[in-house]
All heavy atoms as atom14 arrays in JSON, in Angstrom:
{
  "sequence": "LPSDRQVIRLGASNRMHPLALPFLAGLEEAASTAPIGE",
  "atom14_mask": [
    [1, 1, 1, 1, 1, 1, 1, 1, 0, 0, 0, 0, 0, 0],
    [1, 1, 1, 1, 1, 1, 1, 0, 0, 0, 0, 0, 0, 0],
    [1, 1, 1, 1, 1, 1, 0, 0, 0, 0, 0, 0, 0, 0],
    [1, 1, 1, 1, 1, 1, 1, 1, 0, 0, 0, 0, 0, 0],
    [1, 1, 1, 1, 1, 1, 1, 1, 1, 1, 1, 0, 0, 0],
    [1, 1, 1, 1, 1, 1, 1, 1, 1, 0, 0, 0, 0, 0],
    [1, 1, 1, 1, 1, 1, 1, 0, 0, 0, 0, 0, 0, 0],
    [1, 1, 1, 1, 1, 1, 1, 1, 0, 0, 0, 0, 0, 0],
    [1, 1, 1, 1, 1, 1, 1, 1, 1, 1, 1, 0, 0, 0],
    [1, 1, 1, 1, 1, 1, 1, 1, 0, 0, 0, 0, 0, 0],
    [1, 1, 1, 1, 0, 0, 0, 0, 0, 0, 0, 0, 0, 0],
    [1, 1, 1, 1, 1, 0, 0, 0, 0, 0, 0, 0, 0, 0],
    [1, 1, 1, 1, 1, 1, 0, 0, 0, 0, 0, 0, 0, 0],
    [1, 1, 1, 1, 1, 1, 1, 1, 0, 0, 0, 0, 0, 0],
    [1, 1, 1, 1, 1, 1, 1, 1, 1, 1, 1, 0, 0, 0],
    [1, 1, 1, 1, 1, 1, 1, 1, 0, 0, 0, 0, 0, 0],
    [1, 1, 1, 1, 1, 1, 1, 1, 1, 1, 0, 0, 0, 0],
    [1, 1, 1, 1, 1, 1, 1, 0, 0, 0, 0, 0, 0, 0],
    [1, 1, 1, 1, 1, 1, 1, 1, 0, 0, 0, 0, 0, 0],
    [1, 1, 1, 1, 1, 0, 0, 0, 0, 0, 0, 0, 0, 0],
    [1, 1, 1, 1, 1, 1, 1, 1, 0, 0, 0, 0, 0, 0],
    [1, 1, 1, 1, 1, 1, 1, 0, 0, 0, 0, 0, 0, 0],
    [1, 1, 1, 1, 1, 1, 1, 1, 1, 1, 1, 0, 0, 0],
    [1, 1, 1, 1, 1, 1, 1, 1, 0, 0, 0, 0, 0, 0],
    [1, 1, 1, 1, 1, 0, 0, 0, 0, 0, 0, 0, 0, 0],
    [1, 1, 1, 1, 0, 0, 0, 0, 0, 0, 0, 0, 0, 0],
    [1, 1, 1, 1, 1, 1, 1, 1, 0, 0, 0, 0, 0, 0],
    [1, 1, 1, 1, 1, 1, 1, 1, 1, 0, 0, 0, 0, 0],
    [1, 1, 1, 1, 1, 1, 1, 1, 1, 0, 0, 0, 0, 0],
    [1, 1, 1, 1, 1, 0, 0, 0, 0, 0, 0, 0, 0, 0],
    [1, 1, 1, 1, 1, 0, 0, 0, 0, 0, 0, 0, 0, 0],
    [1, 1, 1, 1, 1, 1, 0, 0, 0, 0, 0, 0, 0, 0],
    [1, 1, 1, 1, 1, 1, 1, 0, 0, 0, 0, 0, 0, 0],
    [1, 1, 1, 1, 1, 0, 0, 0, 0, 0, 0, 0, 0, 0],
    [1, 1, 1, 1, 1, 1, 1, 0, 0, 0, 0, 0, 0, 0],
    [1, 1, 1, 1, 1, 1, 1, 1, 0, 0, 0, 0, 0, 0],
    [1, 1, 1, 1, 0, 0, 0, 0, 0, 0, 0, 0, 0, 0],
    [1, 1, 1, 1, 1, 1, 1, 1, 1, 0, 0, 0, 0, 0]
  ],
  "atom14_positions": [
    [[0.84, -1.2, 0.0], [0.0, 0.0, 0.0], [0.88, 1.26, 0.0], [1.97, 1.26, 0.57], [-0.91, 0.01, 1.24], [-2.02, -1.03, 1.28], [-2.66, -1.06, 2.67], [-3.07, -0.76, 0.21], [0.0, 0.0, 0.0], [0.0, 0.0, 0.0], [0.0, 0.0, 0.0], [0.0, 0.0, 0.0], [0.0, 0.0, 0.0], [0.0, 0.0, 0.0]],
    [[0.41, 2.33, -0.61], [1.18, 3.58, -0.59], [1.09, 4.24, 0.78], [0.25, 3.89, 1.6], [0.48, 4.44, -1.66], [-0.94, 3.97, -1.61], [-0.87, 2.49, -1.35], [0.0, 0.0, 0.0], [0.0, 0.0, 0.0], [0.0, 0.0, 0.0], [0.0, 0.0, 0.0], [0.0, 0.0, 0.0], [0.0, 0.0, 0.0], [0.0, 0.0, 0.0]],
    [[1.95, 5.2, 1.01], [1.86, 6.01, 2.23], [0.92, 7.18, 1.98], [0.59, 7.49, 0.83], [3.24, 6.53, 2.63], [3.71, 7.47, 1.67], [0.0, 0.0, 0.0], [0.0, 0.0, 0.0], [0.0, 0.0, 0.0], [0.0, 0.0, 0.0], [0.0, 0.0, 0.0], [0.0, 0.0, 0.0], [0.0, 0.0, 0.0], [0.0, 0.0, 0.0]],
    [[0.51, 7.84, 3.04], [-0.33, 9.03, 2.87], [0.43, 10.11, 2.11], [-0.16, 10.86, 1.32], [-0.82, 9.55, 4.22], [0.3, 9.88, 5.19], [1.18, 9.03, 5.39], [0.32, 11.0, 5.73], [0.0, 0.0, 0.0], [0.0, 0.0, 0.0], [0.0, 0.0, 0.0], [0.0, 0.0, 0.0], [0.0, 0.0, 0.0], [0.0, 0.0, 0.0]],
    [[1.75, 10.21, 2.3], [2.55, 11.21, 1.58], [2.54, 10.94, 0.08], [2.47, 11.87, -0.73], [3.98, 11.23, 2.11], [4.11, 11.84, 3.5], [5.55, 11.82, 3.99], [5.69, 12.52, 5.26], [5.39, 12.0, 6.43], [4.94, 10.75, 6.5], [5.53, 12.7, 7.55], [0.0, 0.0, 0.0], [0.0, 0.0, 0.0], [0.0, 0.0, 0.0]],
    [[2.64, 9.66, -0.3], [2.6, 9.32, -1.71], [1.26, 9.69, -2.34], [1.21, 10.23, -3.45], [2.85, 7.82, -1.9], [4.28, 7.38, -1.63], [4.43, 5.87, -1.71], [3.91, 5.13, -0.87], [5.11, 5.4, -2.74], [0.0, 0.0, 0.0], [0.0, 0.0, 0.0], [0.0, 0.0, 0.0], [0.0, 0.0, 0.0], [0.0, 0.0, 0.0]],
    [[0.19, 9.41, -1.64], [-1.15, 9.7, -2.16], [-1.33, 11.21, -2.31], [-1.88, 11.69, -3.32], [-2.23, 9.11, -1.23], [-3.61, 9.64, -1.59], [-2.21, 7.59, -1.32], [0.0, 0.0, 0.0], [0.0, 0.0, 0.0], [0.0, 0.0, 0.0], [0.0, 0.0, 0.0], [0.0, 0.0, 0.0], [0.0, 0.0, 0.0], [0.0, 0.0, 0.0]],
    [[-0.88, 11.98, -1.32], [-1.0, 13.44, -1.4], [-0.18, 13.98, -2.56], [-0.64, 14.87, -3.3], [-0.56, 14.08, -0.06], [-1.6, 13.77, 1.02], [-0.39, 15.59, -0.22], [-1.18, 14.2, 2.42], [0.0, 0.0, 0.0], [0.0, 0.0, 0.0], [0.0, 0.0, 0.0], [0.0, 0.0, 0.0], [0.0, 0.0, 0.0], [0.0, 0.0, 0.0]],
    [[1.01, 13.43, -2.75], [1.86, 13.88, -3.86], [1.21, 13.56, -5.21], [1.23, 14.39, -6.13], [3.24, 13.23, -3.76], [4.24, 13.77, -4.77], [5.66, 13.35, -4.42], [5.81, 11.9, -4.35], [6.04, 11.24, -3.23], [6.11, 11.88, -2.06], [6.17, 9.93, -3.23], [0.0, 0.0, 0.0], [0.0, 0.0, 0.0], [0.0, 0.0, 0.0]],
    [[0.65, 12.38, -5.34], [-0.04, 12.02, -6.57], [-1.27, 12.9, -6.78], [-1.55, 13.36, -7.89], [-0.47, 10.55, -6.52], [0.64, 9.5, -6.66], [0.1, 8.12, -6.35], [1.23, 9.53, -8.06], [0.0, 0.0, 0.0], [0.0, 0.0, 0.0], [0.0, 0.0, 0.0], [0.0, 0.0, 0.0], [0.0, 0.0, 0.0], [0.0, 0.0, 0.0]],
    [[-2.01, 13.15, -5.7], [-3.22, 13.95, -5.81], [-2.94, 15.37, -6.26], [-3.75, 15.98, -6.97], [0.0, 0.0, 0.0], [0.0, 0.0, 0.0], [0.0, 0.0, 0.0], [0.0, 0.0, 0.0], [0.0, 0.0, 0.0], [0.0, 0.0, 0.0], [0.0, 0.0, 0.0], [0.0, 0.0, 0.0], [0.0, 0.0, 0.0], [0.0, 0.0, 0.0]],
    [[-1.79, 15.92, -5.88], [-1.44, 17.28, -6.27], [-1.3, 17.42, -7.77], [-1.49, 18.5, -8.33], [-0.15, 17.71, -5.58], [0.0, 0.0, 0.0], [0.0, 0.0, 0.0], [0.0, 0.0, 0.0], [0.0, 0.0, 0.0], [0.0, 0.0, 0.0], [0.0, 0.0, 0.0], [0.0, 0.0, 0.0], [0.0, 0.0, 0.0], [0.0, 0.0, 0.0]],
    [[-0.98, 16.31, -8.45], [-0.87, 16.33, -9.91], [-2.04, 15.59, -10.56], [-1.94, 15.11, -11.69], [0.46, 15.7, -10.36], [0.6, 14.38, -9.83], [0.0, 0.0, 0.0], [0.0, 0.0, 0.0], [0.0, 0.0, 0.0], [0.0, 0.0, 0.0], [0.0, 0.0, 0.0], [0.0, 0.0, 0.0], [0.0, 0.0, 0.0], [0.0, 0.0, 0.0]],
    [[-3.15, 15.48, -9.8], [-4.39, 14.87, -10.31], [-4.19, 13.42, -10.75], [-4.8, 12.96, -11.73], [-4.97, 15.7, -11.47], [-5.43, 17.06, -11.01], [-6.05, 17.19, -9.97], [-5.12, 18.07, -11.8], [0.0, 0.0, 0.0], [0.0, 0.0, 0.0], [0.0, 0.0, 0.0], [0.0, 0.0, 0.0], [0.0, 0.0, 0.0], [0.0, 0.0, 0.0]],
    [[-3.35, 12.7, -10.01], [-3.17, 11.27, -10.27], [-3.64, 10.48, -9.05], [-3.73, 11.01, -7.95], [-1.71, 10.97, -10.58], [-1.24, 11.55, -11.92], [0.19, 11.11, -12.2], [1.13, 11.69, -11.23], [2.35, 11.22, -11.01], [2.77, 10.13, -11.64], [3.14, 11.82, -10.13], [0.0, 0.0, 0.0], [0.0, 0.0, 0.0], [0.0, 0.0, 0.0]],
    [[-3.93, 9.2, -9.27], [-4.46, 8.37, -8.2], [-3.72, 7.04, -8.18], [-3.49, 6.43, -9.22], [-5.97, 8.14, -8.41], [-6.61, 7.25, -7.37], [-8.41, 7.07, -7.66], [-8.42, 6.16, -9.21], [0.0, 0.0, 0.0], [0.0, 0.0, 0.0], [0.0, 0.0, 0.0], [0.0, 0.0, 0.0], [0.0, 0.0, 0.0], [0.0, 0.0, 0.0]],
    [[-3.36, 6.59, -7.0], [-2.73, 5.28, -6.86], [-3.75, 4.2, -7.19], [-4.92, 4.3, -6.78], [-2.2, 5.12, -5.43], [-1.26, 3.96, -5.27], [-1.71, 2.66, -5.13], [0.1, 3.89, -5.23], [-0.68, 1.85, -5.0], [0.43, 2.58, -5.06], [0.0, 0.0, 0.0], [0.0, 0.0, 0.0], [0.0, 0.0, 0.0], [0.0, 0.0, 0.0]],
    [[-3.36, 3.14, -7.89], [-4.33, 2.1, -8.28], [-5.01, 1.38, -7.12], [-6.1, 0.82, -7.29], [-3.49, 1.12, -9.13], [-2.07, 1.43, -8.8], [-2.02, 2.88, -8.46], [0.0, 0.0, 0.0], [0.0, 0.0, 0.0], [0.0, 0.0, 0.0], [0.0, 0.0, 0.0], [0.0, 0.0, 0.0], [0.0, 0.0, 0.0], [0.0, 0.0, 0.0]],
    [[-4.4, 1.4, -5.95], [-5.0, 0.73, -4.8], [-5.85, 1.67, -3.95], [-6.43, 1.24, -2.94], [-3.92, 0.09, -3.92], [-3.18, -1.1, -4.51], [-2.09, -1.57, -3.56], [-4.15, -2.25, -4.8], [0.0, 0.0, 0.0], [0.0, 0.0, 0.0], [0.0, 0.0, 0.0], [0.0, 0.0, 0.0], [0.0, 0.0, 0.0], [0.0, 0.0, 0.0]],
    [[-5.96, 2.93, -4.34], [-6.64, 3.91, -3.5], [-8.1, 3.54, -3.25], [-8.54, 3.42, -2.1], [-6.54, 5.31, -4.12], [0.0, 0.0, 0.0], [0.0, 0.0, 0.0], [0.0, 0.0, 0.0], [0.0, 0.0, 0.0], [0.0, 0.0, 0.0], [0.0, 0.0, 0.0], [0.0, 0.0, 0.0], [0.0, 0.0, 0.0], [0.0, 0.0, 0.0]],
    [[-8.87, 3.39, -4.29], [-10.3, 3.11, -4.11], [-10.56, 1.71, -3.55], [-11.42, 1.57, -2.67], [-11.04, 3.32, -5.43], [-11.05, 4.77, -5.94], [-11.86, 4.88, -7.23], [-11.6, 5.72, -4.89], [0.0, 0.0, 0.0], [0.0, 0.0, 0.0], [0.0, 0.0, 0.0], [0.0, 0.0, 0.0], [0.0, 0.0, 0.0], [0.0, 0.0, 0.0]],
    [[-9.85, 0.66, -4.0], [-10.04, -0.64, -3.34], [-9.73, -0.6, -1.85], [-10.42, -1.24, -1.04], [-9.07, -1.56, -4.09], [-8.92, -0.94, -5.43], [-8.98, 0.54, -5.19], [0.0, 0.0, 0.0], [0.0, 0.0, 0.0], [0.0, 0.0, 0.0], [0.0, 0.0, 0.0], [0.0, 0.0, 0.0], [0.0, 0.0, 0.0], [0.0, 0.0, 0.0]],
    [[-8.7, 0.17, -1.46], [-8.36, 0.27, -0.04], [-9.5, 0.93, 0.73], [-9.89, 0.45, 1.81], [-7.08, 1.07, 0.14], [-6.76, 1.37, 1.58], [-6.19, 0.42, 2.4], [-7.06, 2.61, 2.13], [-5.91, 0.69, 3.73], [-6.79, 2.89, 3.45], [-6.21, 1.93, 4.26], [0.0, 0.0, 0.0], [0.0, 0.0, 0.0], [0.0, 0.0, 0.0]],
    [[-10.05, 2.04, 0.22], [-11.16, 2.68, 0.92], [-12.36, 1.77, 1.02], [-13.04, 1.73, 2.04], [-11.56, 3.97, 0.18], [-10.77, 5.24, 0.46], [-11.5, 6.44, -0.11], [-10.49, 5.43, 1.94], [0.0, 0.0, 0.0], [0.0, 0.0, 0.0], [0.0, 0.0, 0.0], [0.0, 0.0, 0.0], [0.0, 0.0, 0.0], [0.0, 0.0, 0.0]],
    [[-12.64, 1.03, -0.06], [-13.76, 0.08, -0.01], [-13.53, -0.98, 1.04], [-14.45, -1.37, 1.77], [-13.95, -0.54, -1.4], [0.0, 0.0, 0.0], [0.0, 0.0, 0.0], [0.0, 0.0, 0.0], [0.0, 0.0, 0.0], [0.0, 0.0, 0.0], [0.0, 0.0, 0.0], [0.0, 0.0, 0.0], [0.0, 0.0, 0.0], [0.0, 0.0, 0.0]],
    [[-12.29, -1.46, 1.14], [-11.98, -2.47, 2.15], [-12.11, -1.94, 3.56], [-12.61, -2.63, 4.46], [0.0, 0.0, 0.0], [0.0, 0.0, 0.0], [0.0, 0.0, 0.0], [0.0, 0.0, 0.0], [0.0, 0.0, 0.0], [0.0, 0.0, 0.0], [0.0, 0.0, 0.0], [0.0, 0.0, 0.0], [0.0, 0.0, 0.0], [0.0, 0.0, 0.0]],
    [[-11.66, -0.71, 3.77], [-11.77, -0.12, 5.1], [-13.22, 0.1, 5.49], [-13.62, -0.16, 6.64], [-11.02, 1.21, 5.14], [-10.87, 1.87, 6.52], [-10.09, 0.98, 7.47], [-10.2, 3.23, 6.4], [0.0, 0.0, 0.0], [0.0, 0.0, 0.0], [0.0, 0.0, 0.0], [0.0, 0.0, 0.0], [0.0, 0.0, 0.0], [0.0, 0.0, 0.0]],
    [[-14.03, 0.56, 4.55], [-15.45, 0.77, 4.83], [-16.14, -0.57, 5.11], [-16.99, -0.66, 6.0], [-16.12, 1.48, 3.66], [-17.6, 1.76, 3.85], [-17.89, 2.81, 4.93], [-16.93, 3.37, 5.5], [-19.08, 3.03, 5.2], [0.0, 0.0, 0.0], [0.0, 0.0, 0.0], [0.0, 0.0, 0.0], [0.0, 0.0, 0.0], [0.0, 0.0, 0.0]],
    [[-15.77, -1.59, 4.38], [-16.34, -2.91, 4.61], [-15.95, -3.43, 5.99], [-16.77, -4.01, 6.71], [-15.87, -3.88, 3.52], [-16.38, -5.3, 3.67], [-17.9, -5.42, 3.63], [-18.56, -4.5, 3.11], [-18.41, -6.43, 4.14], [0.0, 0.0, 0.0], [0.0, 0.0, 0.0], [0.0, 0.0, 0.0], [0.0, 0.0, 0.0], [0.0, 0.0, 0.0]],
    [[-14.69, -3.2, 6.38], [-14.25, -3.63, 7.7], [-15.0, -2.87, 8.78], [-15.39, -3.43, 9.82], [-12.75, -3.41, 7.85], [0.0, 0.0, 0.0], [0.0, 0.0, 0.0], [0.0, 0.0, 0.0], [0.0, 0.0, 0.0], [0.0, 0.0, 0.0], [0.0, 0.0, 0.0], [0.0, 0.0, 0.0], [0.0, 0.0, 0.0], [0.0, 0.0, 0.0]],
    [[-15.24, -1.58, 8.56], [-15.96, -0.77, 9.55], [-17.42, -1.16, 9.66], [-18.07, -0.86, 10.66], [-15.85, 0.71, 9.18], [0.0, 0.0, 0.0], [0.0, 0.0, 0.0], [0.0, 0.0, 0.0], [0.0, 0.0, 0.0], [0.0, 0.0, 0.0], [0.0, 0.0, 0.0], [0.0, 0.0, 0.0], [0.0, 0.0, 0.0], [0.0, 0.0, 0.0]],
    [[-17.95, -1.82, 8.65], [-19.36, -2.23, 8.7], [-19.57, -3.44, 9.6], [-20.69, -3.71, 10.04], [-19.86, -2.56, 7.29], [-19.23, -3.73, 6.79], [0.0, 0.0, 0.0], [0.0, 0.0, 0.0], [0.0, 0.0, 0.0], [0.0, 0.0, 0.0], [0.0, 0.0, 0.0], [0.0, 0.0, 0.0], [0.0, 0.0, 0.0], [0.0, 0.0, 0.0]],
    [[-18.49, -4.17, 9.9], [-18.61, -5.36, 10.75], [-18.15, -5.11, 12.18], [-18.59, -5.79, 13.1], [-17.79, -6.51, 10.16], [-16.41, -6.11, 10.03], [-18.32, -6.89, 8.78], [0.0, 0.0, 0.0], [0.0, 0.0, 0.0], [0.0, 0.0, 0.0], [0.0, 0.0, 0.0], [0.0, 0.0, 0.0], [0.0, 0.0, 0.0], [0.0, 0.0, 0.0]],
    [[-17.26, -4.13, 12.36], [-16.79, -3.79, 13.72], [-16.37, -2.33, 13.74], [-15.68, -1.88, 12.82], [-15.61, -4.67, 14.11], [0.0, 0.0, 0.0], [0.0, 0.0, 0.0], [0.0, 0.0, 0.0], [0.0, 0.0, 0.0], [0.0, 0.0, 0.0], [0.0, 0.0, 0.0], [0.0, 0.0, 0.0], [0.0, 0.0, 0.0], [0.0, 0.0, 0.0]],
    [[-16.79, -1.58, 14.75], [-16.38, -0.17, 14.83], [-14.86, -0.03, 14.78], [-14.14, -0.82, 15.37], [-16.94, 0.28, 16.18], [-18.06, -0.66, 16.47], [-17.64, -1.97, 15.88], [0.0, 0.0, 0.0], [0.0, 0.0, 0.0], [0.0, 0.0, 0.0], [0.0, 0.0, 0.0], [0.0, 0.0, 0.0], [0.0, 0.0, 0.0], [0.0, 0.0, 0.0]],
    [[-14.38, 1.0, 14.04], [-12.95, 1.19, 13.89], [-12.25, 1.29, 15.23], [-11.15, 0.78, 15.42], [-12.67, 2.47, 13.06], [-13.14, 2.27, 11.62], [-11.2, 2.84, 13.08], [-12.38, 1.22, 10.86], [0.0, 0.0, 0.0], [0.0, 0.0, 0.0], [0.0, 0.0, 0.0], [0.0, 0.0, 0.0], [0.0, 0.0, 0.0], [0.0, 0.0, 0.0]],
    [[-12.88, 1.94, 16.2], [-12.26, 2.1, 17.51], [-12.04, 0.8, 18.24], [-11.25, 0.73, 19.18], [0.0, 0.0, 0.0], [0.0, 0.0, 0.0], [0.0, 0.0, 0.0], [0.0, 0.0, 0.0], [0.0, 0.0, 0.0], [0.0, 0.0, 0.0], [0.0, 0.0, 0.0], [0.0, 0.0, 0.0], [0.0, 0.0, 0.0], [0.0, 0.0, 0.0]],
    [[-12.75, -0.26, 17.82], [-12.6, -1.56, 18.48], [-11.67, -2.49, 17.72], [-11.46, -3.63, 18.12], [-13.99, -2.22, 18.62], [-14.95, -1.42, 19.5], [-16.32, -2.05, 19.56], [-16.47, -3.17, 19.03], [-17.23, -1.43, 20.14], [0.0, 0.0, 0.0], [0.0, 0.0, 0.0], [0.0, 0.0, 0.0], [0.0, 0.0, 0.0], [0.0, 0.0, 0.0]]
  ]
}
């Protein structure tokens, strides 16, 4: 996975890491089964 710095650097030039959206989908799916704080 990229770092947050890599994603910000790519975003500044209107580019997106290929794992960006799958990662967000995975995190949201994980949060649907257990609260992030837990």
